[in-house]
Amino acid sequence: MIGIGIDIGSTAAKAAVVDGEGSVAWTCVQPTGFSSVDASERLREALAAAGYDVAADDVRVIATGYGRVAVPYAHKVVTEITCHGTGAVRLFGDHGTVIDVGGQDTKVIQLKSGRVAKFAMNDKCAAGTGRFLEIMADRLGISQQQMADLARSGEPTKISSMCTVFAESEVISLIGRGEPRENIARGVIESVVSRVATMAGQAGGAPYYLTGGLCENAYVVERLGELLGAPVTTSPQARFAGAIGAAIRAQALM
């Protein structure tokens, strides 16, 4: 029996397949774009090209994420918190604090004995999310990875605003004053990491696990661990934690 998880986020749409032996057999990520419905259809086509038919008798599909109601071939929809928790247990273990920095929100999930014990979410403002980093990298004319590389050699420059619009104005002012780009990059990343660390520290304790789009950003992982006072564990597969969790739960529908 095959379980398929579809995670439609605000910026990235992901799919994961868990095979009959319980292994993650396939993953895929695409930009969500303007339409969550279109994103879900593109994932269905990608699944079909990889040999997975969402309508097959031995397949079950669960959708999660921001656009989970826009997946017409899903047998069930499940919240991000539940699916990220399930995926993190598979990837990391049944105890700890999961930090998921998404495009439009940041989630902190405390796991105990393989279950979600409590969670917190910041979905009121883009500051402290991946979208914030994307906007600031665009303003600096560089990629997010280039921004992280520059930040390593920069001096701390405070970005104080809690609002993305005002923070962008701060960055524009810093550029106008001739502040070195590496210092601005450092300030932008510190602004995000400090907010996330404060939220994670209040919601749970070590060990810490990072999921979502920033899990491959080594500098963010490093700084987050330093501010939390404990290592932050992640992996390339952690980007798909929500989709993997959905796929695991889809198998339980059979």
Protein backbone atom coordinates (compact mmCIF):
# COMPACT_ATOMS: atom_id res chain seq x y z
CA MET A 1 0.00 0.00 0.00
CA ILE A 2 1.23 3.47 -0.95
CA GLY A 3 0.74 6.65 1.09
CA ILE A 4 1.06 10.02 -0.65
CA GLY A 5 1.32 13.32 1.18
CA ILE A 6 0.61 16.64 -0.57
CA ASP A 7 1.75 19.75 1.30
CA ILE A 8 0.61 22.96 -0.39
CA GLY A 9 2.45 25.81 1.32
CA SER A 10 2.18 29.51 0.59
CA THR A 11 5.39 29.49 -1.46
CA ALA A 12 6.27 25.83 -2.10
CA ALA A 13 4.16 22.79 -2.95
CA LYS A 14 5.63 19.45 -1.92
CA ALA A 15 4.75 15.79 -2.36
CA ALA A 16 6.12 12.67 -0.68
CA VAL A 17 5.51 8.99 -1.25
CA VAL A 18 5.85 6.37 1.49
CA ASP A 19 5.97 2.84 0.12
CA GLY A 20 4.63 -0.43 1.51
CA GLU A 21 7.78 -0.94 3.55
CA GLY A 22 7.39 2.43 5.24
CA SER A 23 10.30 4.07 3.41
CA VAL A 24 10.21 7.52 1.81
CA ALA A 25 10.38 6.45 -1.82
CA TRP A 26 10.00 9.79 -3.64
CA THR A 27 9.74 13.52 -2.99
CA CYS A 28 9.09 16.56 -5.14
CA VAL A 29 8.95 20.31 -4.61
CA GLN A 30 7.60 23.03 -6.91
CA PRO A 31 6.69 26.71 -6.48
CA THR A 32 3.07 27.06 -5.41
CA GLY A 33 2.53 30.01 -7.69
CA PHE A 34 -0.74 31.91 -7.97
CA SER A 35 -3.12 28.96 -7.68
CA SER A 36 -3.04 26.17 -5.10
CA VAL A 37 -5.33 24.14 -7.37
CA ASP A 38 -2.84 24.43 -10.24
CA ALA A 39 0.01 23.51 -7.88
CA SER A 40 -1.82 20.37 -6.75
CA GLU A 41 -2.42 19.39 -10.38
CA ARG A 42 1.26 19.87 -11.25
CA LEU A 43 2.18 17.60 -8.35
CA ARG A 44 -0.34 15.00 -9.56
CA GLU A 45 1.31 15.10 -12.99
CA ALA A 46 4.77 14.77 -11.42
CA LEU A 47 3.56 11.79 -9.38
CA ALA A 48 2.14 10.17 -12.51
CA ALA A 49 5.42 10.69 -14.36
CA ALA A 50 7.20 8.95 -11.48
CA GLY A 51 4.81 6.01 -11.71
CA TYR A 52 2.35 6.87 -8.91
CA ASP A 53 -1.36 7.01 -9.76
CA VAL A 54 -3.29 8.90 -7.09
CA ALA A 55 -6.48 7.08 -8.13
CA ALA A 56 -5.05 3.55 -7.83
CA ASP A 57 -6.77 1.12 -5.45
CA ASP A 58 -3.62 0.67 -3.35
CA VAL A 59 -2.98 4.40 -2.94
CA ARG A 60 -4.28 6.86 -0.36
CA VAL A 61 -3.63 10.61 -0.39
CA ILE A 62 -3.69 13.15 2.44
CA ALA A 63 -3.36 16.87 1.81
CA THR A 64 -1.97 19.38 4.31
CA GLY A 65 -0.66 22.92 4.38
CA TYR A 66 -1.97 26.35 3.48
CA GLY A 67 -3.76 25.08 0.35
CA ARG A 68 -4.83 21.63 1.55
CA VAL A 69 -8.48 22.16 0.58
CA ALA A 70 -7.36 22.72 -3.03
CA VAL A 71 -6.31 19.10 -3.64
CA PRO A 72 -9.33 17.42 -5.27
CA TYR A 73 -7.78 13.94 -5.34
CA ALA A 74 -7.00 13.85 -1.59
CA HIS A 75 -8.90 11.29 0.44
CA LYS A 76 -8.57 13.47 3.55
CA VAL A 77 -7.15 16.81 4.71
CA VAL A 78 -5.09 17.10 7.91
CA THR A 79 -3.61 20.17 9.63
CA GLU A 80 0.03 21.16 9.21
CA ILE A 81 0.74 20.79 12.93
CA THR A 82 -0.32 17.14 12.94
CA CYS A 83 1.53 16.27 9.71
CA HIS A 84 4.73 18.12 10.63
CA GLY A 85 4.71 16.39 13.99
CA THR A 86 4.32 12.96 12.37
CA GLY A 87 6.99 13.71 9.79
CA ALA A 88 9.43 14.99 12.40
CA VAL A 89 8.98 11.87 14.52
CA ARG A 90 9.89 9.77 11.48
CA LEU A 91 12.92 11.90 10.62
CA PHE A 92 14.31 12.74 14.05
CA GLY A 93 12.71 10.96 17.00
CA ASP A 94 9.71 11.05 19.31
CA HIS A 95 10.86 13.77 21.70
CA GLY A 96 11.95 17.37 21.16
CA THR A 97 10.97 20.71 19.67
CA VAL A 98 10.25 21.05 15.95
CA ILE A 99 10.81 24.48 14.40
CA ASP A 100 9.22 24.97 10.98
CA VAL A 101 9.97 28.27 9.26
CA GLY A 102 7.53 28.53 6.38
CA GLY A 103 6.89 31.19 3.80
CA GLN A 104 4.11 32.96 5.72
CA ASP A 105 4.29 31.55 9.24
CA THR A 106 6.59 29.92 11.76
CA LYS A 107 5.43 26.90 13.75
CA VAL A 108 7.01 25.48 16.91
CA ILE A 109 5.81 22.00 17.87
CA GLN A 110 6.74 20.21 21.07
CA LEU A 111 6.86 16.42 20.75
CA LYS A 112 6.49 14.02 23.66
CA SER A 113 6.35 10.23 23.24
CA GLY A 114 5.82 10.66 19.51
CA ARG A 115 2.82 12.96 19.84
CA VAL A 116 2.22 16.70 19.61
CA ALA A 117 2.13 17.93 23.21
CA LYS A 118 1.72 21.62 22.40
CA PHE A 119 2.46 24.11 19.66
CA ALA A 120 2.75 27.80 18.90
CA MET A 121 2.39 29.63 15.62
CA ASN A 122 3.32 33.06 14.34
CA ASP A 123 0.99 33.80 11.44
CA LYS A 124 0.26 37.47 12.08
CA CYS A 125 3.24 39.01 10.29
CA ALA A 126 5.79 37.85 7.71
CA ALA A 127 8.68 39.07 9.89
CA GLY A 128 10.38 35.95 11.21
CA THR A 129 9.46 33.82 8.17
CA GLY A 130 11.02 32.67 4.93
CA ARG A 131 9.06 35.28 3.00
CA PHE A 132 10.79 38.02 5.00
CA LEU A 133 14.20 36.68 3.95
CA GLU A 134 13.05 36.41 0.34
CA ILE A 135 11.88 40.03 0.26
CA MET A 136 15.10 41.32 1.84
CA ALA A 137 17.32 39.25 -0.45
CA ASP A 138 15.45 40.68 -3.44
CA ARG A 139 15.97 44.19 -2.08
CA LEU A 140 19.70 43.49 -1.80
CA GLY A 141 19.77 42.04 -5.32
CA ILE A 142 21.05 38.62 -4.22
CA SER A 143 19.78 35.10 -3.53
CA GLN A 144 18.97 33.88 -0.02
CA GLN A 145 22.04 31.64 -0.11
CA GLN A 146 24.25 34.57 -1.14
CA MET A 147 22.76 36.60 1.70
CA ALA A 148 23.67 33.85 4.18
CA ASP A 149 27.21 33.66 2.78
CA LEU A 150 27.61 37.43 3.08
CA ALA A 151 26.19 37.46 6.61
CA ARG A 152 29.01 35.22 7.86
CA SER A 153 31.52 38.02 7.26
CA GLY A 154 29.26 40.91 8.28
CA GLU A 155 29.09 42.98 11.44
CA PRO A 156 25.80 43.04 13.36
CA THR A 157 23.44 45.73 12.07
CA LYS A 158 20.14 45.99 13.91
CA ILE A 159 16.90 45.71 11.97
CA SER A 160 14.47 46.75 14.66
CA SER A 161 11.05 46.84 13.00
CA MET A 162 8.61 43.99 13.66
CA CYS A 163 6.82 44.73 10.37
CA THR A 164 8.14 43.58 6.99
CA VAL A 165 7.16 46.84 5.27
CA PHE A 166 8.93 49.00 7.85
CA ALA A 167 11.89 46.63 8.01
CA GLU A 168 12.27 46.95 4.24
CA SER A 169 12.32 50.73 4.68
CA GLU A 170 15.10 50.30 7.26
CA VAL A 171 17.10 48.24 4.77
CA ILE A 172 16.58 50.86 2.06
CA SER A 173 17.87 53.53 4.47
CA LEU A 174 20.91 51.41 5.33
CA ILE A 175 21.66 50.95 1.63
CA GLY A 176 21.32 54.70 1.11
CA ARG A 177 23.79 55.38 3.94
CA GLY A 178 26.34 53.11 2.30
CA GLU A 179 26.20 50.34 4.90
CA PRO A 180 28.16 47.32 3.59
CA ARG A 181 25.90 44.70 2.09
CA GLU A 182 27.34 41.96 4.30
CA ASN A 183 26.38 43.95 7.41
CA ILE A 184 22.81 44.38 6.16
CA ALA A 185 22.63 40.68 5.33
CA ARG A 186 23.80 39.86 8.85
CA GLY A 187 21.18 42.19 10.34
CA VAL A 188 18.37 40.70 8.26
CA ILE A 189 19.18 37.10 9.20
CA GLU A 190 19.73 38.00 12.85
CA SER A 191 16.31 39.66 12.87
CA VAL A 192 14.62 36.46 11.70
CA VAL A 193 16.69 34.04 13.77
CA SER A 194 16.25 36.01 16.99
CA ARG A 195 12.45 36.03 16.61
CA VAL A 196 12.35 32.32 15.84
CA ALA A 197 14.69 31.48 18.73
CA THR A 198 12.58 33.47 21.19
CA MET A 199 9.45 31.69 20.05
CA ALA A 200 11.11 28.24 20.16
CA GLY A 201 12.64 28.85 23.57
CA GLN A 202 9.27 29.74 25.05
CA ALA A 203 7.40 26.83 23.47
CA GLY A 204 9.74 23.93 24.19
CA GLY A 205 13.23 22.73 24.99
CA ALA A 206 16.08 20.73 23.49
CA PRO A 207 16.61 18.74 21.39
CA TYR A 208 15.65 21.11 18.56
CA TYR A 209 14.82 20.10 14.98
CA LEU A 210 14.46 22.44 12.00
CA THR A 211 12.07 21.68 9.14
CA GLY A 212 10.91 23.74 6.18
CA GLY A 213 12.64 25.71 3.47
CA LEU A 214 15.50 26.99 5.64
CA CYS A 215 16.79 23.56 6.67
CA GLU A 216 19.49 23.70 3.97
CA ASN A 217 20.69 27.15 5.05
CA ALA A 218 23.72 26.22 7.17
CA TYR A 219 24.23 29.73 8.55
CA VAL A 220 20.62 30.00 9.77
CA VAL A 221 20.89 26.56 11.40
CA GLU A 222 24.16 27.54 13.07
CA ARG A 223 22.93 30.88 14.41
CA LEU A 224 19.65 29.40 15.59
CA GLY A 225 21.56 26.81 17.61
CA GLU A 226 23.80 29.47 19.12
CA LEU A 227 20.85 31.59 20.24
CA LEU A 228 18.98 28.58 21.63
CA GLY A 229 22.08 27.33 23.43
CA ALA A 230 21.73 23.84 21.93
CA PRO A 231 22.43 22.24 18.55
CA VAL A 232 19.69 22.31 15.94
CA THR A 233 19.38 19.09 13.96
CA THR A 234 18.09 19.07 10.39
CA SER A 235 18.50 17.24 7.09
CA PRO A 236 17.65 17.76 3.40
CA GLN A 237 14.55 15.56 3.84
CA ALA A 238 13.35 17.84 6.65
CA ARG A 239 12.11 20.24 3.98
CA PHE A 240 9.44 17.61 3.24
CA ALA A 241 8.45 16.89 6.87
CA GLY A 242 4.84 17.96 6.35
CA ALA A 243 4.41 15.93 3.17
CA ILE A 244 6.13 12.90 4.72
CA GLY A 245 3.89 13.10 7.77
CA ALA A 246 0.84 13.32 5.52
CA ALA A 247 2.00 10.29 3.53
CA ILE A 248 2.53 8.25 6.71
CA ARG A 249 -0.96 9.14 7.90
CA ALA A 250 -2.38 8.35 4.44
CA GLN A 251 -1.21 4.75 4.82
CA ALA A 252 -3.27 4.49 7.99
CA LEU A 253 -6.42 5.15 5.94
CA MET A 254 -6.12 1.76 4.23
